[in-house]
PDB file of N, CA and C in Angstrom:
ATOM      1  N   MET A   1     134.753-113.616  96.473  1.00  0.00           N
ATOM      2  CA  MET A   1     134.529-115.042  96.612  1.00  0.00           C
ATOM      3  C   MET A   1     133.889-115.365  97.964  1.00  0.00           C
ATOM      4  N   TYR A   2     134.268-114.624  99.022  1.00  0.00           N
ATOM      5  CA  TYR A   2     133.723-114.923 100.350  1.00  0.00           C
ATOM      6  C   TYR A   2     132.212-114.724 100.403  1.00  0.00           C
ATOM      7  N   ASP A   3     131.706-113.703  99.705  1.00  0.00           N
ATOM      8  CA  ASP A   3     130.261-113.484  99.688  1.00  0.00           C
ATOM      9  C   ASP A   3     129.541-114.647  99.025  1.00  0.00           C
ATOM     10  N   GLU A   4     130.084-115.121  97.906  1.00  0.00           N
ATOM     11  CA  GLU A   4     129.489-116.274  97.221  1.00  0.00           C
ATOM     12  C   GLU A   4     129.565-117.520  98.092  1.00  0.00           C
ATOM     13  N   LEU A   5     130.691-117.698  98.726  1.00  0.00           N
ATOM     14  CA  LEU A   5     130.907-118.851  99.604  1.00  0.00           C
ATOM     15  C   LEU A   5     129.879-118.857 100.733  1.00  0.00           C
ATOM     16  N   GLU A   6     129.724-117.735 101.416  1.00  0.00           N
ATOM     17  CA  GLU A   6     128.768-117.651 102.517  1.00  0.00           C
ATOM     18  C   GLU A   6     127.336-117.810 102.017  1.00  0.00           C
ATOM     19  N   ALA A   7     127.035-117.287 100.840  1.00  0.00           N
ATOM     20  CA  ALA A   7     125.689-117.429 100.275  1.00  0.00           C
ATOM     21  C   ALA A   7     125.364-118.893 100.013  1.00  0.00           C
ATOM     22  N   VAL A   8     126.300-119.630  99.457  1.00  0.00           N
ATOM     23  CA  VAL A   8     126.084-121.061  99.205  1.00  0.00           C
ATOM     24  C   VAL A   8     125.928-121.806 100.522  1.00  0.00           C
ATOM     25  N   LEU A   9     126.754-121.484 101.495  1.00  0.00           N
ATOM     26  CA  LEU A   9     126.620-122.132 102.804  1.00  0.00           C
ATOM     27  C   LEU A   9     125.248-121.830 103.401  1.00  0.00           C
ATOM     28  N   ASP A  10     124.818-120.564 103.340  1.00  0.00           N
ATOM     29  CA  ASP A  10     123.528-120.176 103.911  1.00  0.00           C
ATOM     30  C   ASP A  10     122.352-120.848 103.212  1.00  0.00           C
ATOM     31  N   GLU A  11     122.441-120.981 101.895  1.00  0.00           N
ATOM     32  CA  GLU A  11     121.318-121.509 101.121  1.00  0.00           C
ATOM     33  C   GLU A  11     121.308-123.026 101.006  1.00  0.00           C
ATOM     34  N   ARG A  12     122.484-123.646 100.922  1.00  0.00           N
ATOM     35  CA  ARG A  12     122.536-125.053 100.553  1.00  0.00           C
ATOM     36  C   ARG A  12     123.113-125.976 101.623  1.00  0.00           C
ATOM     37  N   VAL A  13     123.871-125.433 102.562  1.00  0.00           N
ATOM     38  CA  VAL A  13     124.550-126.285 103.544  1.00  0.00           C
ATOM     39  C   VAL A  13     124.005-126.076 104.959  1.00  0.00           C
ATOM     40  N   ARG A  14     123.971-124.846 105.412  1.00  0.00           N
ATOM     41  CA  ARG A  14     123.550-124.578 106.797  1.00  0.00           C
ATOM     42  C   ARG A  14     122.148-125.093 107.131  1.00  0.00           C
ATOM     43  N   PRO A  15     121.174-124.975 106.214  1.00  0.00           N
ATOM     44  CA  PRO A  15     119.849-125.513 106.565  1.00  0.00           C
ATOM     45  C   PRO A  15     119.886-127.016 106.876  1.00  0.00           C
ATOM     46  N   LEU A  16     120.664-127.758 106.131  1.00  0.00           N
ATOM     47  CA  LEU A  16     120.758-129.203 106.368  1.00  0.00           C
ATOM     48  C   LEU A  16     121.500-129.506 107.664  1.00  0.00           C
ATOM     49  N   LEU A  17     122.588-128.772 107.908  1.00  0.00           N
ATOM     50  CA  LEU A  17     123.310-128.960 109.166  1.00  0.00           C
ATOM     51  C   LEU A  17     122.440-128.552 110.346  1.00  0.00           C
ATOM     52  N   GLY A  18     121.695-127.465 110.171  1.00  0.00           N
ATOM     53  CA  GLY A  18     120.822-126.975 111.225  1.00  0.00           C
ATOM     54  C   GLY A  18     119.747-127.970 111.620  1.00  0.00           C
ATOM     55  N   ASN A  19     119.296-128.775 110.669  1.00  0.00           N
ATOM     56  CA  ASN A  19     118.313-129.825 110.973  1.00  0.00           C
ATOM     57  C   ASN A  19     118.847-130.831 111.975  1.00  0.00           C
ATOM     58  N   HIS A  20     120.155-130.901 112.103  1.00  0.00           N
ATOM     59  CA  HIS A  20     120.792-131.838 113.027  1.00  0.00           C
ATOM     60  C   HIS A  20     121.439-131.114 114.200  1.00  0.00           C
ATOM     61  N   GLY A  21     121.133-129.828 114.357  1.00  0.00           N
ATOM     62  CA  GLY A  21     121.678-129.062 115.466  1.00  0.00           C
ATOM     63  C   GLY A  21     123.097-128.574 115.251  1.00  0.00           C
ATOM     64  N   GLY A  22     123.509-128.475 113.987  1.00  0.00           N
ATOM     65  CA  GLY A  22     124.882-128.082 113.703  1.00  0.00           C
ATOM     66  C   GLY A  22     124.992-126.840 112.850  1.00  0.00           C
ATOM     67  N   ASP A  23     126.230-126.457 112.609  1.00  0.00           N
ATOM     68  CA  ASP A  23     126.533-125.291 111.779  1.00  0.00           C
ATOM     69  C   ASP A  23     127.945-125.476 111.241  1.00  0.00           C
ATOM     70  N   ILE A  24     128.404-124.488 110.500  1.00  0.00           N
ATOM     71  CA  ILE A  24     129.730-124.534 109.897  1.00  0.00           C
ATOM     72  C   ILE A  24     130.354-123.146 109.984  1.00  0.00           C
ATOM     73  N   LYS A  25     131.645-123.108 110.240  1.00  0.00           N
ATOM     74  CA  LYS A  25     132.382-121.849 110.289  1.00  0.00           C
ATOM     75  C   LYS A  25     133.599-121.956 109.380  1.00  0.00           C
ATOM     76  N   VAL A  26     133.707-121.022 108.434  1.00  0.00           N
ATOM     77  CA  VAL A  26     134.862-120.990 107.536  1.00  0.00           C
ATOM     78  C   VAL A  26     136.029-120.369 108.290  1.00  0.00           C
ATOM     79  N   LEU A  27     137.152-121.061 108.295  1.00  0.00           N
ATOM     80  CA  LEU A  27     138.345-120.563 108.965  1.00  0.00           C
ATOM     81  C   LEU A  27     139.245-119.801 108.006  1.00  0.00           C
ATOM     82  N   GLU A  28     139.397-120.340 106.785  1.00  0.00           N
ATOM     83  CA  GLU A  28     140.191-119.671 105.759  1.00  0.00           C
ATOM     84  C   GLU A  28     139.958-120.340 104.415  1.00  0.00           C
ATOM     85  N   VAL A  29     140.305-119.623 103.384  1.00  0.00           N
ATOM     86  CA  VAL A  29     140.329-120.178 102.033  1.00  0.00           C
ATOM     87  C   VAL A  29     141.742-119.980 101.529  1.00  0.00           C
ATOM     88  N   LYS A  30     142.385-121.081 101.173  1.00  0.00           N
ATOM     89  CA  LYS A  30     143.779-121.024 100.734  1.00  0.00           C
ATOM     90  C   LYS A  30     143.945-121.880  99.494  1.00  0.00           C
ATOM     91  N   ASP A  31     144.423-121.265  98.428  1.00  0.00           N
ATOM     92  CA  ASP A  31     144.666-121.971  97.166  1.00  0.00           C
ATOM     93  C   ASP A  31     143.430-122.723  96.679  1.00  0.00           C
ATOM     94  N   GLY A  32     142.256-122.103  96.827  1.00  0.00           N
ATOM     95  CA  GLY A  32     141.018-122.697  96.350  1.00  0.00           C
ATOM     96  C   GLY A  32     140.400-123.731  97.272  1.00  0.00           C
ATOM     97  N   VAL A  33     141.000-123.958  98.423  1.00  0.00           N
ATOM     98  CA  VAL A  33     140.494-124.953  99.367  1.00  0.00           C
ATOM     99  C   VAL A  33     139.927-124.238 100.595  1.00  0.00           C
ATOM    100  N   VAL A  34     138.693-124.567 100.926  1.00  0.00           N
ATOM    101  CA  VAL A  34     138.031-123.995 102.096  1.00  0.00           C
ATOM    102  C   VAL A  34     138.373-124.847 103.312  1.00  0.00           C
ATOM    103  N   HIS A  35     138.910-124.212 104.323  1.00  0.00           N
ATOM    104  CA  HIS A  35     139.193-124.873 105.599  1.00  0.00           C
ATOM    105  C   HIS A  35     138.095-124.429 106.560  1.00  0.00           C
ATOM    106  N   PHE A  36     137.411-125.389 107.160  1.00  0.00           N
ATOM    107  CA  PHE A  36     136.253-125.064 107.986  1.00  0.00           C
ATOM    108  C   PHE A  36     136.197-125.951 109.211  1.00  0.00           C
ATOM    109  N   ARG A  37     135.336-125.544 110.136  1.00  0.00           N
ATOM    110  CA  ARG A  37     135.082-126.336 111.340  1.00  0.00           C
ATOM    111  C   ARG A  37     133.572-126.503 111.465  1.00  0.00           C
ATOM    112  N   PHE A  38     133.153-127.714 111.794  1.00  0.00           N
ATOM    113  CA  PHE A  38     131.747-127.935 112.120  1.00  0.00           C
ATOM    114  C   PHE A  38     131.513-127.444 113.540  1.00  0.00           C
ATOM    115  N   LEU A  39     130.309-126.926 113.771  1.00  0.00           N
ATOM    116  CA  LEU A  39     129.925-126.425 115.086  1.00  0.00           C
ATOM    117  C   LEU A  39     128.690-127.168 115.580  1.00  0.00           C
ATOM    118  N   GLY A  40     128.397-127.020 116.860  1.00  0.00           N
ATOM    119  CA  GLY A  40     127.210-127.631 117.444  1.00  0.00           C
ATOM    120  C   GLY A  40     127.272-129.142 117.389  1.00  0.00           C
ATOM    121  N   ALA A  41     126.130-129.741 117.124  1.00  0.00           N
ATOM    122  CA  ALA A  41     126.038-131.204 117.131  1.00  0.00           C
ATOM    123  C   ALA A  41     126.879-131.851 116.036  1.00  0.00           C
ATOM    124  N   CYS A  42     127.235-131.096 115.004  1.00  0.00           N
ATOM    125  CA  CYS A  42     128.038-131.660 113.913  1.00  0.00           C
ATOM    126  C   CYS A  42     129.512-131.797 114.291  1.00  0.00           C
ATOM    127  N   ALA A  43     129.955-131.033 115.275  1.00  0.00           N
ATOM    128  CA  ALA A  43     131.349-131.115 115.722  1.00  0.00           C
ATOM    129  C   ALA A  43     131.555-132.454 116.410  1.00  0.00           C
ATOM    130  N   GLY A  44     132.466-133.211 115.919  1.00  0.00           N
ATOM    131  CA  GLY A  44     132.759-134.512 116.513  1.00  0.00           C
ATOM    132  C   GLY A  44     131.799-135.623 116.130  1.00  0.00           C
ATOM    133  N   CYS A  45     130.861-135.334 115.259  1.00  0.00           N
ATOM    134  CA  CYS A  45     129.908-136.360 114.828  1.00  0.00           C
ATOM    135  C   CYS A  45     130.652-137.459 114.062  1.00  0.00           C
ATOM    136  N   PRO A  46     130.299-138.723 114.295  1.00  0.00           N
ATOM    137  CA  PRO A  46     130.951-139.807 113.567  1.00  0.00           C
ATOM    138  C   PRO A  46     130.765-139.719 112.050  1.00  0.00           C
ATOM    139  N   ALA A  47     129.725-139.040 111.591  1.00  0.00           N
ATOM    140  CA  ALA A  47     129.472-138.925 110.151  1.00  0.00           C
ATOM    141  C   ALA A  47     130.049-137.635 109.560  1.00  0.00           C
ATOM    142  N   ALA A  48     130.855-136.903 110.325  1.00  0.00           N
ATOM    143  CA  ALA A  48     131.365-135.607 109.858  1.00  0.00           C
ATOM    144  C   ALA A  48     132.178-135.734 108.573  1.00  0.00           C
ATOM    145  N   ASP A  49     133.018-136.746 108.468  1.00  0.00           N
ATOM    146  CA  ASP A  49     133.813-136.916 107.245  1.00  0.00           C
ATOM    147  C   ASP A  49     132.918-137.129 106.029  1.00  0.00           C
ATOM    148  N   LEU A  50     131.907-137.932 106.185  1.00  0.00           N
ATOM    149  CA  LEU A  50     130.968-138.177 105.095  1.00  0.00           C
ATOM    150  C   LEU A  50     130.188-136.906 104.760  1.00  0.00           C
ATOM    151  N   THR A  51     129.789-136.165 105.785  1.00  0.00           N
ATOM    152  CA  THR A  51     129.074-134.907 105.562  1.00  0.00           C
ATOM    153  C   THR A  51     129.946-133.933 104.786  1.00  0.00           C
ATOM    154  N   ASN A  52     131.228-133.897 105.099  1.00  0.00           N
ATOM    155  CA  ASN A  52     132.140-133.024 104.355  1.00  0.00           C
ATOM    156  C   ASN A  52     132.187-133.435 102.895  1.00  0.00           C
ATOM    157  N   GLU A  53     132.420-134.709 102.632  1.00  0.00           N
ATOM    158  CA  GLU A  53     132.565-135.183 101.260  1.00  0.00           C
ATOM    159  C   GLU A  53     131.260-135.069 100.468  1.00  0.00           C
ATOM    160  N   GLU A  54     130.171-135.480 101.069  1.00  0.00           N
ATOM    161  CA  GLU A  54     128.902-135.569 100.354  1.00  0.00           C
ATOM    162  C   GLU A  54     128.131-134.257 100.305  1.00  0.00           C
ATOM    163  N   LEU A  55     128.353-133.377 101.245  1.00  0.00           N
ATOM    164  CA  LEU A  55     127.570-132.145 101.285  1.00  0.00           C
ATOM    165  C   LEU A  55     128.444-130.913 101.082  1.00  0.00           C
ATOM    166  N   VAL A  56     129.309-130.639 102.020  1.00  0.00           N
ATOM    167  CA  VAL A  56     130.051-129.380 102.013  1.00  0.00           C
ATOM    168  C   VAL A  56     130.922-129.251 100.763  1.00  0.00           C
ATOM    169  N   GLN A  57     131.799-130.198 100.568  1.00  0.00           N
ATOM    170  CA  GLN A  57     132.721-130.108  99.434  1.00  0.00           C
ATOM    171  C   GLN A  57     131.986-130.083  98.100  1.00  0.00           C
ATOM    172  N   ASN A  58     131.025-130.970  97.919  1.00  0.00           N
ATOM    173  CA  ASN A  58     130.289-131.016  96.652  1.00  0.00           C
ATOM    174  C   ASN A  58     129.578-129.703  96.367  1.00  0.00           C
ATOM    175  N   GLU A  59     128.899-129.153  97.360  1.00  0.00           N
ATOM    176  CA  GLU A  59     128.164-127.904  97.144  1.00  0.00           C
ATOM    177  C   GLU A  59     129.104-126.746  96.844  1.00  0.00           C
ATOM    178  N   LEU A  60     130.189-126.628  97.587  1.00  0.00           N
ATOM    179  CA  LEU A  60     131.105-125.510  97.374  1.00  0.00           C
ATOM    180  C   LEU A  60     131.816-125.603  96.035  1.00  0.00           C
ATOM    181  N   VAL A  61     132.277-126.784  95.674  1.00  0.00           N
ATOM    182  CA  VAL A  61     132.967-126.957  94.390  1.00  0.00           C
ATOM    183  C   VAL A  61     131.993-126.707  93.228  1.00  0.00           C
ATOM    184  N   ASP A  62     130.761-127.174  93.374  1.00  0.00           N
ATOM    185  CA  ASP A  62     129.770-127.010  92.305  1.00  0.00           C
ATOM    186  C   ASP A  62     129.279-125.575  92.150  1.00  0.00           C
ATOM    187  N   TRP A  63     129.211-124.813  93.229  1.00  0.00           N
ATOM    188  CA  TRP A  63     128.525-123.528  93.195  1.00  0.00           C
ATOM    189  C   TRP A  63     129.411-122.301  93.380  1.00  0.00           C
ATOM    190  N   VAL A  64     130.643-122.480  93.822  1.00  0.00           N
ATOM    191  CA  VAL A  64     131.510-121.313  94.056  1.00  0.00           C
ATOM    192  C   VAL A  64     132.714-121.392  93.121  1.00  0.00           C
ATOM    193  N   PRO A  65     132.784-120.496  92.140  1.00  0.00           N
ATOM    194  CA  PRO A  65     133.921-120.498  91.219  1.00  0.00           C
ATOM    195  C   PRO A  65     135.248-120.341  91.973  1.00  0.00           C
ATOM    196  N   GLY A  66     136.207-121.152  91.585  1.00  0.00           N
ATOM    197  CA  GLY A  66     137.525-121.079  92.190  1.00  0.00           C
ATOM    198  C   GLY A  66     137.743-122.002  93.366  1.00  0.00           C
ATOM    199  N   ILE A  67     136.665-122.592  93.891  1.00  0.00           N
ATOM    200  CA  ILE A  67     136.816-123.533  95.005  1.00  0.00           C
ATOM    201  C   ILE A  67     137.048-124.925  94.430  1.00  0.00           C
ATOM    202  N   THR A  68     138.119-125.552  94.884  1.00  0.00           N
ATOM    203  CA  THR A  68     138.479-126.882  94.384  1.00  0.00           C
ATOM    204  C   THR A  68     138.347-127.974  95.435  1.00  0.00           C
ATOM    205  N   GLY A  69     138.105-127.591  96.682  1.00  0.00           N
ATOM    206  CA  GLY A  69     137.979-128.597  97.728  1.00  0.00           C
ATOM    207  C   GLY A  69     137.604-127.973  99.050  1.00  0.00           C
ATOM    208  N   ALA A  70     137.349-128.839 100.020  1.00  0.00           N
ATOM    209  CA  ALA A  70     137.004-128.401 101.368  1.00  0.00           C
ATOM    210  C   ALA A  70     137.658-129.347 102.359  1.00  0.00           C
ATOM    211  N   VAL A  71     138.250-128.781 103.394  1.00  0.00           N
ATOM    212  CA  VAL A  71     138.947-129.569 104.409  1.00  0.00           C
ATOM    213  C   VAL A  71     138.368-129.238 105.774  1.00  0.00           C
ATOM    214  N   MET A  72     137.921-130.260 106.468  1.00  0.00           N
ATOM    215  CA  MET A  72     137.408-130.088 107.817  1.00  0.00           C
ATOM    216  C   MET A  72     138.582-130.028 108.787  1.00  0.00           C
ATOM    217  N   VAL A  73     138.581-129.001 109.627  1.00  0.00           N
ATOM    218  CA  VAL A  73     139.608-128.845 110.648  1.00  0.00           C
ATOM    219  C   VAL A  73     139.021-129.355 111.958  1.00  0.00           C
ATOM    220  N   ASN A  74     139.652-130.353 112.530  1.00  0.00           N
ATOM    221  CA  ASN A  74     139.179-130.912 113.798  1.00  0.00           C
ATOM    222  C   ASN A  74     139.798-130.157 114.959  1.00  0.00           C
ATOM    223  N   GLY A  75     139.174-130.260 116.071  1.00  0.00           N
ATOM    224  CA  GLY A  75     139.686-129.608 117.264  1.00  0.00           C
ATOM    225  C   GLY A  75     138.553-128.968 118.024  1.00  0.00           C
ATOM    226  N   VAL A  76     138.902-128.381 119.125  1.00  0.00           N
ATOM    227  CA  VAL A  76     137.925-127.746 119.985  1.00  0.00           C
ATOM    228  C   VAL A  76     137.798-126.287 119.576  1.00  0.00           C
ATOM    229  N   SER A  77     136.568-125.809 119.485  1.00  0.00           N
ATOM    230  CA  SER A  77     136.340-124.424 119.083  1.00  0.00           C
ATOM    231  C   SER A  77     136.783-123.464 120.178  1.00  0.00           C
ATOM    232  N   ASP A  78     137.033-122.230 119.794  1.00  0.00           N
ATOM    233  CA  ASP A  78     137.416-121.198 120.752  1.00  0.00           C
ATOM    234  C   ASP A  78     136.330-120.991 121.797  1.00  0.00           C
ATOM    235  N   ASP A  79     135.068-121.084 121.408  1.00  0.00           N
ATOM    236  CA  ASP A  79     133.971-120.914 122.362  1.00  0.00           C
ATOM    237  C   ASP A  79     134.017-121.974 123.453  1.00  0.00           C
ATOM    238  N   VAL A  80     134.269-123.210 123.077  1.00  0.00           N
ATOM    239  CA  VAL A  80     134.343-124.287 124.059  1.00  0.00           C
ATOM    240  C   VAL A  80     135.552-124.095 124.970  1.00  0.00           C
ATOM    241  N   LEU A  81     136.680-123.726 124.410  1.00  0.00           N
ATOM    242  CA  LEU A  81     137.867-123.476 125.233  1.00  0.00           C
ATOM    243  C   LEU A  81     137.640-122.331 126.211  1.00  0.00           C
ATOM    244  N   ASN A  82     137.026-121.258 125.755  1.00  0.00           N
ATOM    245  CA  ASN A  82     136.759-120.124 126.638  1.00  0.00           C
ATOM    246  C   ASN A  82     135.808-120.493 127.771  1.00  0.00           C
ATOM    247  N   GLU A  83     134.802-121.273 127.466  1.00  0.00           N
ATOM    248  CA  GLU A  83     133.867-121.717 128.503  1.00  0.00           C
ATOM    249  C   GLU A  83     134.572-122.618 129.508  1.00  0.00           C
ATOM    250  N   ALA A  84     135.428-123.504 129.047  1.00  0.00           N
ATOM    251  CA  ALA A  84     136.185-124.369 129.957  1.00  0.00           C
ATOM    252  C   ALA A  84     137.093-123.541 130.865  1.00  0.00           C
ATOM    253  N   ARG A  85     137.739-122.540 130.305  1.00  0.00           N
ATOM    254  CA  ARG A  85     138.588-121.666 131.122  1.00  0.00           C
ATOM    255  C   ARG A  85     137.767-120.930 132.175  1.00  0.00           C
ATOM    256  N   ARG A  86     136.600-120.448 131.766  1.00  0.00           N
ATOM    257  CA  ARG A  86     135.732-119.729 132.696  1.00  0.00           C
ATOM    258  C   ARG A  86     135.308-120.640 133.856  1.00  0.00           C
ATOM    259  N   LEU A  87     134.902-121.860 133.541  1.00  0.00           N
ATOM    260  CA  LEU A  87     134.476-122.797 134.565  1.00  0.00           C
ATOM    261  C   LEU A  87     135.614-123.177 135.506  1.00  0.00           C
ATOM    262  N   LEU A  88     136.791-123.387 134.951  1.00  0.00           N
ATOM    263  CA  LEU A  88     137.943-123.705 135.797  1.00  0.00           C
ATOM    264  C   LEU A  88     138.298-122.532 136.703  1.00  0.00           C
ATOM    265  N   HIS A  89     138.199-121.345 136.178  1.00  0.00           N
ATOM    266  CA  HIS A  89     138.478-120.149 136.957  1.00  0.00           C
ATOM    267  C   HIS A  89     137.499-120.038 138.135  1.00  0.00           C
ATOM    268  N   LEU A  90     136.220-120.272 137.881  1.00  0.00           N
ATOM    269  CA  LEU A  90     135.201-120.228 138.933  1.00  0.00           C
ATOM    270  C   LEU A  90     135.424-121.317 139.976  1.00  0.00           C
ATOM    271  N   ARG A  91     135.763-122.489 139.505  1.00  0.00           N
ATOM    272  CA  ARG A  91     135.934-123.643 140.396  1.00  0.00           C
ATOM    273  C   ARG A  91     137.110-123.460 141.343  1.00  0.00           C
ATOM    274  N   HIS A  92     138.135-122.790 140.862  1.00  0.00           N
ATOM    275  CA  HIS A  92     139.336-122.626 141.661  1.00  0.00           C
ATOM    276  C   HIS A  92     139.416-121.255 142.345  1.00  0.00           C
ATOM    277  N   GLY A  93     138.237-120.686 142.590  1.00  0.00           N
ATOM    278  CA  GLY A  93     138.149-119.481 143.397  1.00  0.00           C
ATOM    279  C   GLY A  93     138.588-118.197 142.738  1.00  0.00           C
ATOM    280  N   GLY A  94     138.508-118.141 141.410  1.00  0.00           N
ATOM    281  CA  GLY A  94     138.974-116.938 140.723  1.00  0.00           C
ATOM    282  C   GLY A  94     137.989-115.918 140.586  1.00  0.00           C
TER     283      GLY A  94
END
């Protein structure tokens, strides 16, 4: 299922997100529901909820057997947290 999921994201979702400077990362699939995080410009975008409903969820449910929904996970990505830690470390003489 993960190969099909990534193929649909690559073909039908990522190009559209990429047009806006964004991307998507799948965190897990549990009980037919894809849990994901938006990356780049799509992270924290005011239209993210609509993008999930109108694009991500519709495409995955329509094209990947066994997927029944998609849930956007909000929060700061590990990359952003690591960069913040690095900057704080540098600033405080580490």
